[in-house]
Amino acid sequence: MERGNEHWTPAAAASVLQWWSDAGVDVLIDEEPRDWLRPQPVPSARAAEPAPLDARRQSAPPAARVPAAPAAPAEDLPGQLDMFQAYLRTSESLSFAAPAASRVCPAGDPASGLMIVADMPSTEDCGTGTLLSGEPGRLFDRMLAAIGRDRNSIYLAALSCLRSPDGRFSTDSARNCATLARHHVGLVAPKAVLLLGDACAKALTGLSMAQARGRWHEIQTQSGPVKALVSIPPATLLNLPAAKAHAWADLQMLIEEVNA
């Protein structure tokens, strides 16, 4: 199978087709016009899962007010991307830093125009040294392939390259990681940023994932505003398969902007 000038193996093609099927893509054409990008509510599940989107979000303004950036850390942050990446690899001032703590640092191509931000490494990620690994990572790879990308043609980072002991952010750690992430986005200066999950949405838009989904936001950085879209993380999609259709709508919005 060929996609443009790229040859796909049968296994890779089957993986992408499976993702499209899971996302609810069942036809290439239809008799009636349909607004595929219109935001839809995320299905409810356990109380710990993201809440359904309120129907009133349909009339929400096109952009949310982004809260003022928190005060910068006491030490000056590096002003060049390679130096900032080295800072993430070595600084002991990061939230959750400890001598034996594993760090999962950014990977991919910062010049790709597309930056994707997760919250923090999973336990499995800390063991593999790769952000979004295991079964969530395999789903993530299929999602990328469905929009013509892979891990080499995006820039993947996390709010925190270290995992907290309980897998959560405290108020202070969330504030510190948001400051670093905003600075990181400014250094990369992508065409668009995809924020995966509730923690990323709150840190960089000031809204929950359910409130922020389905519309563009702006992240204020030292290099100027950067467009951001919020979507559902792969781990949540594995537990809520019906939400894949909403994630697919988000990806369509994202790639349309990046490829414009």
Protein backbone atom coordinates (compact mmCIF):
# COMPACT_ATOMS: atom_id res chain seq x y z
CA MET A 1 0.00 0.00 0.00
CA GLU A 2 1.27 3.50 -0.81
CA ARG A 3 0.36 6.82 0.78
CA GLY A 4 1.77 9.56 -1.42
CA ASN A 5 5.38 8.53 -1.98
CA GLU A 6 5.48 6.51 1.24
CA HIS A 7 5.15 2.72 1.15
CA TRP A 8 3.21 1.19 4.03
CA THR A 9 3.43 -2.41 5.11
CA PRO A 10 0.14 -4.32 5.37
CA ALA A 11 0.50 -4.35 9.16
CA ALA A 12 0.92 -0.56 9.33
CA ALA A 13 -2.04 0.00 7.03
CA ALA A 14 -4.20 -2.37 9.08
CA SER A 15 -3.25 -0.53 12.27
CA VAL A 16 -4.34 2.83 10.84
CA LEU A 17 -7.58 1.36 9.47
CA GLN A 18 -8.31 -0.10 12.90
CA TRP A 19 -7.81 3.33 14.49
CA TRP A 20 -10.17 4.92 11.97
CA SER A 21 -12.73 2.19 12.67
CA ASP A 22 -12.42 2.71 16.42
CA ALA A 23 -12.82 6.46 15.89
CA GLY A 24 -16.11 5.89 14.07
CA VAL A 25 -14.95 6.58 10.51
CA ASP A 26 -17.17 4.23 8.51
CA VAL A 27 -17.58 5.92 5.12
CA LEU A 28 -15.41 7.92 2.73
CA ILE A 29 -18.37 9.85 1.32
CA ASP A 30 -21.94 10.40 2.43
CA GLU A 31 -25.19 11.47 0.81
CA GLU A 32 -25.76 14.35 3.22
CA PRO A 33 -23.28 17.08 4.31
CA ARG A 34 -22.11 16.65 7.88
CA ASP A 35 -20.11 18.89 10.20
CA TRP A 36 -17.46 16.37 11.25
CA LEU A 37 -15.57 18.95 13.34
CA ARG A 38 -18.53 20.05 15.48
CA PRO A 39 -17.58 19.33 19.12
CA GLN A 40 -19.55 16.52 20.78
CA PRO A 41 -19.84 15.60 24.47
CA VAL A 42 -17.32 13.13 25.82
CA PRO A 43 -19.19 10.04 27.16
CA SER A 44 -19.35 9.80 30.92
CA ALA A 45 -17.84 6.86 32.78
CA ARG A 46 -16.55 6.41 36.30
CA ALA A 47 -16.40 9.51 38.46
CA ALA A 48 -12.62 9.54 38.03
CA GLU A 49 -12.94 9.87 34.23
CA PRO A 50 -13.36 13.24 32.47
CA ALA A 51 -16.88 14.63 32.86
CA PRO A 52 -19.14 14.87 29.79
CA LEU A 53 -19.00 18.12 27.89
CA ASP A 54 -21.91 20.40 28.74
CA ALA A 55 -24.16 21.15 25.82
CA ARG A 56 -23.77 24.82 26.59
CA ARG A 57 -20.15 24.60 25.39
CA GLN A 58 -21.54 24.83 21.86
CA SER A 59 -22.17 28.54 22.43
CA ALA A 60 -18.85 29.19 24.16
CA PRO A 61 -16.66 32.00 22.82
CA PRO A 62 -13.96 30.98 20.32
CA ALA A 63 -11.09 31.46 22.74
CA ALA A 64 -10.71 31.27 26.50
CA ARG A 65 -8.91 33.82 28.61
CA VAL A 66 -5.53 32.37 29.51
CA PRO A 67 -4.44 33.11 33.07
CA ALA A 68 -1.33 35.17 33.64
CA ALA A 69 1.87 33.17 33.67
CA PRO A 70 3.13 32.23 37.14
CA ALA A 71 6.26 33.90 38.43
CA ALA A 72 9.43 32.56 36.81
CA PRO A 73 11.67 30.25 38.84
CA ALA A 74 14.40 31.92 40.86
CA GLU A 75 17.05 30.75 38.43
CA ASP A 76 16.87 32.01 34.86
CA LEU A 77 15.66 29.45 32.37
CA PRO A 78 17.92 28.74 29.37
CA GLY A 79 17.00 30.79 26.31
CA GLN A 80 17.99 28.21 23.70
CA LEU A 81 16.18 24.94 23.10
CA ASP A 82 19.23 22.64 23.27
CA MET A 83 20.30 24.26 26.54
CA PHE A 84 16.77 23.97 27.94
CA GLN A 85 16.66 20.28 27.00
CA ALA A 86 19.94 19.80 28.88
CA TYR A 87 18.40 21.65 31.83
CA LEU A 88 15.49 19.18 31.86
CA ARG A 89 17.94 16.27 31.82
CA THR A 90 20.11 17.50 34.68
CA SER A 91 18.46 20.15 36.88
CA GLU A 92 17.82 19.14 40.48
CA SER A 93 15.39 22.04 40.93
CA LEU A 94 12.62 20.37 38.91
CA SER A 95 9.51 19.18 40.67
CA PHE A 96 9.85 15.52 41.76
CA ALA A 97 13.62 15.50 41.15
CA ALA A 98 15.47 12.89 43.20
CA PRO A 99 18.84 11.14 42.74
CA ALA A 100 17.30 7.86 41.58
CA ALA A 101 14.29 9.30 39.75
CA SER A 102 13.95 8.38 36.08
CA ARG A 103 13.54 11.22 33.60
CA VAL A 104 11.70 10.86 30.30
CA CYS A 105 12.83 13.81 28.25
CA PRO A 106 11.42 15.35 25.05
CA ALA A 107 11.86 13.46 21.79
CA GLY A 108 11.21 14.01 18.11
CA ASP A 109 11.68 16.94 15.74
CA PRO A 110 11.18 20.41 17.24
CA ALA A 111 11.16 21.86 13.71
CA SER A 112 8.18 19.71 12.67
CA GLY A 113 5.63 22.44 13.43
CA LEU A 114 3.65 20.16 15.76
CA MET A 115 4.32 19.86 19.49
CA ILE A 116 2.37 17.38 21.62
CA VAL A 117 2.38 17.67 25.41
CA ALA A 118 1.40 14.90 27.85
CA ASP A 119 1.19 15.32 31.63
CA MET A 120 3.96 13.13 33.08
CA PRO A 121 5.57 9.76 32.36
CA SER A 122 3.70 6.63 33.39
CA THR A 123 5.43 3.98 35.46
CA GLU A 124 5.95 2.03 32.24
CA ASP A 125 7.38 5.10 30.52
CA CYS A 126 9.93 5.49 33.30
CA GLY A 127 11.05 1.91 32.69
CA THR A 128 11.31 2.23 28.91
CA GLY A 129 12.61 5.80 28.80
CA THR A 130 9.93 6.66 26.23
CA LEU A 131 6.94 8.91 26.75
CA LEU A 132 3.63 7.24 25.85
CA SER A 133 4.87 3.66 25.71
CA GLY A 134 3.08 0.33 26.10
CA GLU A 135 -0.52 -0.06 24.96
CA PRO A 136 -1.28 3.71 25.17
CA GLY A 137 1.80 4.29 23.04
CA ARG A 138 0.66 1.83 20.40
CA LEU A 139 -2.69 3.62 20.19
CA PHE A 140 -0.88 6.97 20.06
CA ASP A 141 1.22 5.73 17.12
CA ARG A 142 -1.93 4.71 15.24
CA MET A 143 -3.45 8.13 15.90
CA LEU A 144 -0.34 9.81 14.48
CA ALA A 145 -0.33 7.55 11.43
CA ALA A 146 -3.98 8.42 10.76
CA ILE A 147 -2.97 12.07 10.25
CA GLY A 148 0.17 11.23 8.29
CA ARG A 149 2.65 11.68 11.15
CA ASP A 150 4.89 9.55 13.33
CA ARG A 151 7.13 10.17 16.31
CA ASN A 152 9.90 11.47 14.09
CA SER A 153 7.65 14.14 12.60
CA ILE A 154 6.32 15.61 15.85
CA TYR A 155 7.95 16.97 19.00
CA LEU A 156 6.72 15.10 22.09
CA ALA A 157 7.21 16.44 25.61
CA ALA A 158 5.56 16.38 29.03
CA LEU A 159 4.63 18.96 31.63
CA SER A 160 7.02 17.08 33.89
CA CYS A 161 9.76 14.77 32.66
CA LEU A 162 9.69 13.16 36.14
CA ARG A 163 6.87 11.16 37.65
CA SER A 164 5.52 12.13 41.05
CA PRO A 165 5.25 9.37 43.67
CA ASP A 166 1.45 9.24 43.36
CA GLY A 167 1.20 10.14 39.67
CA ARG A 168 -0.45 13.48 40.46
CA PHE A 169 0.45 17.16 40.51
CA SER A 170 0.22 19.22 43.67
CA THR A 171 -0.78 22.86 43.33
CA ASP A 172 2.84 24.04 43.56
CA SER A 173 4.24 21.40 41.23
CA ALA A 174 1.52 22.12 38.66
CA ARG A 175 2.37 25.81 38.78
CA ASN A 176 6.10 25.18 38.39
CA CYS A 177 5.62 22.69 35.56
CA ALA A 178 3.25 25.07 33.76
CA THR A 179 5.93 27.78 33.85
CA LEU A 180 8.50 25.40 32.38
CA ALA A 181 6.07 24.11 29.75
CA ARG A 182 5.13 27.62 28.64
CA HIS A 183 8.81 28.49 28.29
CA HIS A 184 9.41 25.21 26.41
CA VAL A 185 6.60 25.95 23.96
CA GLY A 186 8.04 29.41 23.36
CA LEU A 187 11.47 27.99 22.52
CA VAL A 188 10.00 25.42 20.11
CA ALA A 189 7.54 27.92 18.57
CA PRO A 190 5.45 25.29 16.74
CA LYS A 191 2.51 26.08 14.47
CA ALA A 192 0.26 24.31 16.97
CA VAL A 193 0.40 22.41 20.26
CA LEU A 194 -1.79 19.43 21.15
CA LEU A 195 -2.38 19.20 24.91
CA LEU A 196 -3.30 15.71 26.10
CA GLY A 197 -5.44 15.45 29.19
CA ASP A 198 -6.82 17.44 32.07
CA ALA A 199 -3.55 18.41 33.75
CA CYS A 200 -2.13 19.88 30.53
CA ALA A 201 -5.38 21.71 29.78
CA LYS A 202 -5.52 23.29 33.23
CA ALA A 203 -1.83 24.19 33.24
CA LEU A 204 -1.77 25.93 29.86
CA THR A 205 -5.34 27.10 29.20
CA GLY A 206 -6.75 27.47 32.71
CA LEU A 207 -9.67 25.18 31.80
CA SER A 208 -10.43 21.51 32.36
CA MET A 209 -10.13 19.13 29.42
CA ALA A 210 -13.93 18.90 29.10
CA GLN A 211 -14.27 22.69 29.04
CA ALA A 212 -11.37 23.28 26.66
CA ARG A 213 -11.96 20.63 23.99
CA GLY A 214 -13.30 21.49 20.54
CA ARG A 215 -11.87 24.99 20.10
CA TRP A 216 -8.56 26.72 19.71
CA HIS A 217 -6.74 28.47 22.54
CA GLU A 218 -3.57 30.55 22.73
CA ILE A 219 -0.61 29.86 24.99
CA GLN A 220 1.16 33.07 25.87
CA THR A 221 4.93 32.57 25.63
CA GLN A 222 8.07 34.68 25.62
CA SER A 223 8.09 34.29 21.81
CA GLY A 224 4.46 35.30 21.34
CA PRO A 225 1.16 33.40 21.36
CA VAL A 226 1.04 29.78 20.15
CA LYS A 227 -2.19 28.06 19.11
CA ALA A 228 -3.21 25.10 21.27
CA LEU A 229 -5.85 22.38 21.06
CA VAL A 230 -6.87 20.08 23.91
CA SER A 231 -7.67 16.40 23.39
CA ILE A 232 -8.15 13.12 25.21
CA PRO A 233 -5.01 11.14 26.16
CA PRO A 234 -4.53 7.62 24.74
CA ALA A 235 -4.73 5.95 28.17
CA THR A 236 -8.21 7.40 28.66
CA LEU A 237 -9.26 6.32 25.16
CA LEU A 238 -8.35 2.74 26.03
CA ASN A 239 -10.81 2.88 28.93
CA LEU A 240 -13.42 4.89 27.01
CA PRO A 241 -13.45 3.53 23.43
CA ALA A 242 -16.51 5.61 22.53
CA ALA A 243 -14.41 8.76 23.08
CA LYS A 244 -12.19 7.87 20.12
CA ALA A 245 -14.63 9.62 17.80
CA HIS A 246 -14.08 12.87 19.72
CA ALA A 247 -10.31 12.41 19.64
CA TRP A 248 -10.53 11.87 15.88
CA ALA A 249 -12.42 15.17 15.49
CA ASP A 250 -9.67 16.88 17.51
CA LEU A 251 -6.97 15.38 15.29
CA GLN A 252 -8.77 16.61 12.18
CA MET A 253 -8.84 20.16 13.57
CA LEU A 254 -5.18 19.89 14.54
CA ILE A 255 -3.76 18.64 11.26
CA GLU A 256 -5.84 21.10 9.24
CA GLU A 257 -4.18 23.93 11.14
CA VAL A 258 -0.67 22.47 11.01
CA ASN A 259 -0.89 21.73 7.29
CA ALA A 260 -2.43 25.09 6.37
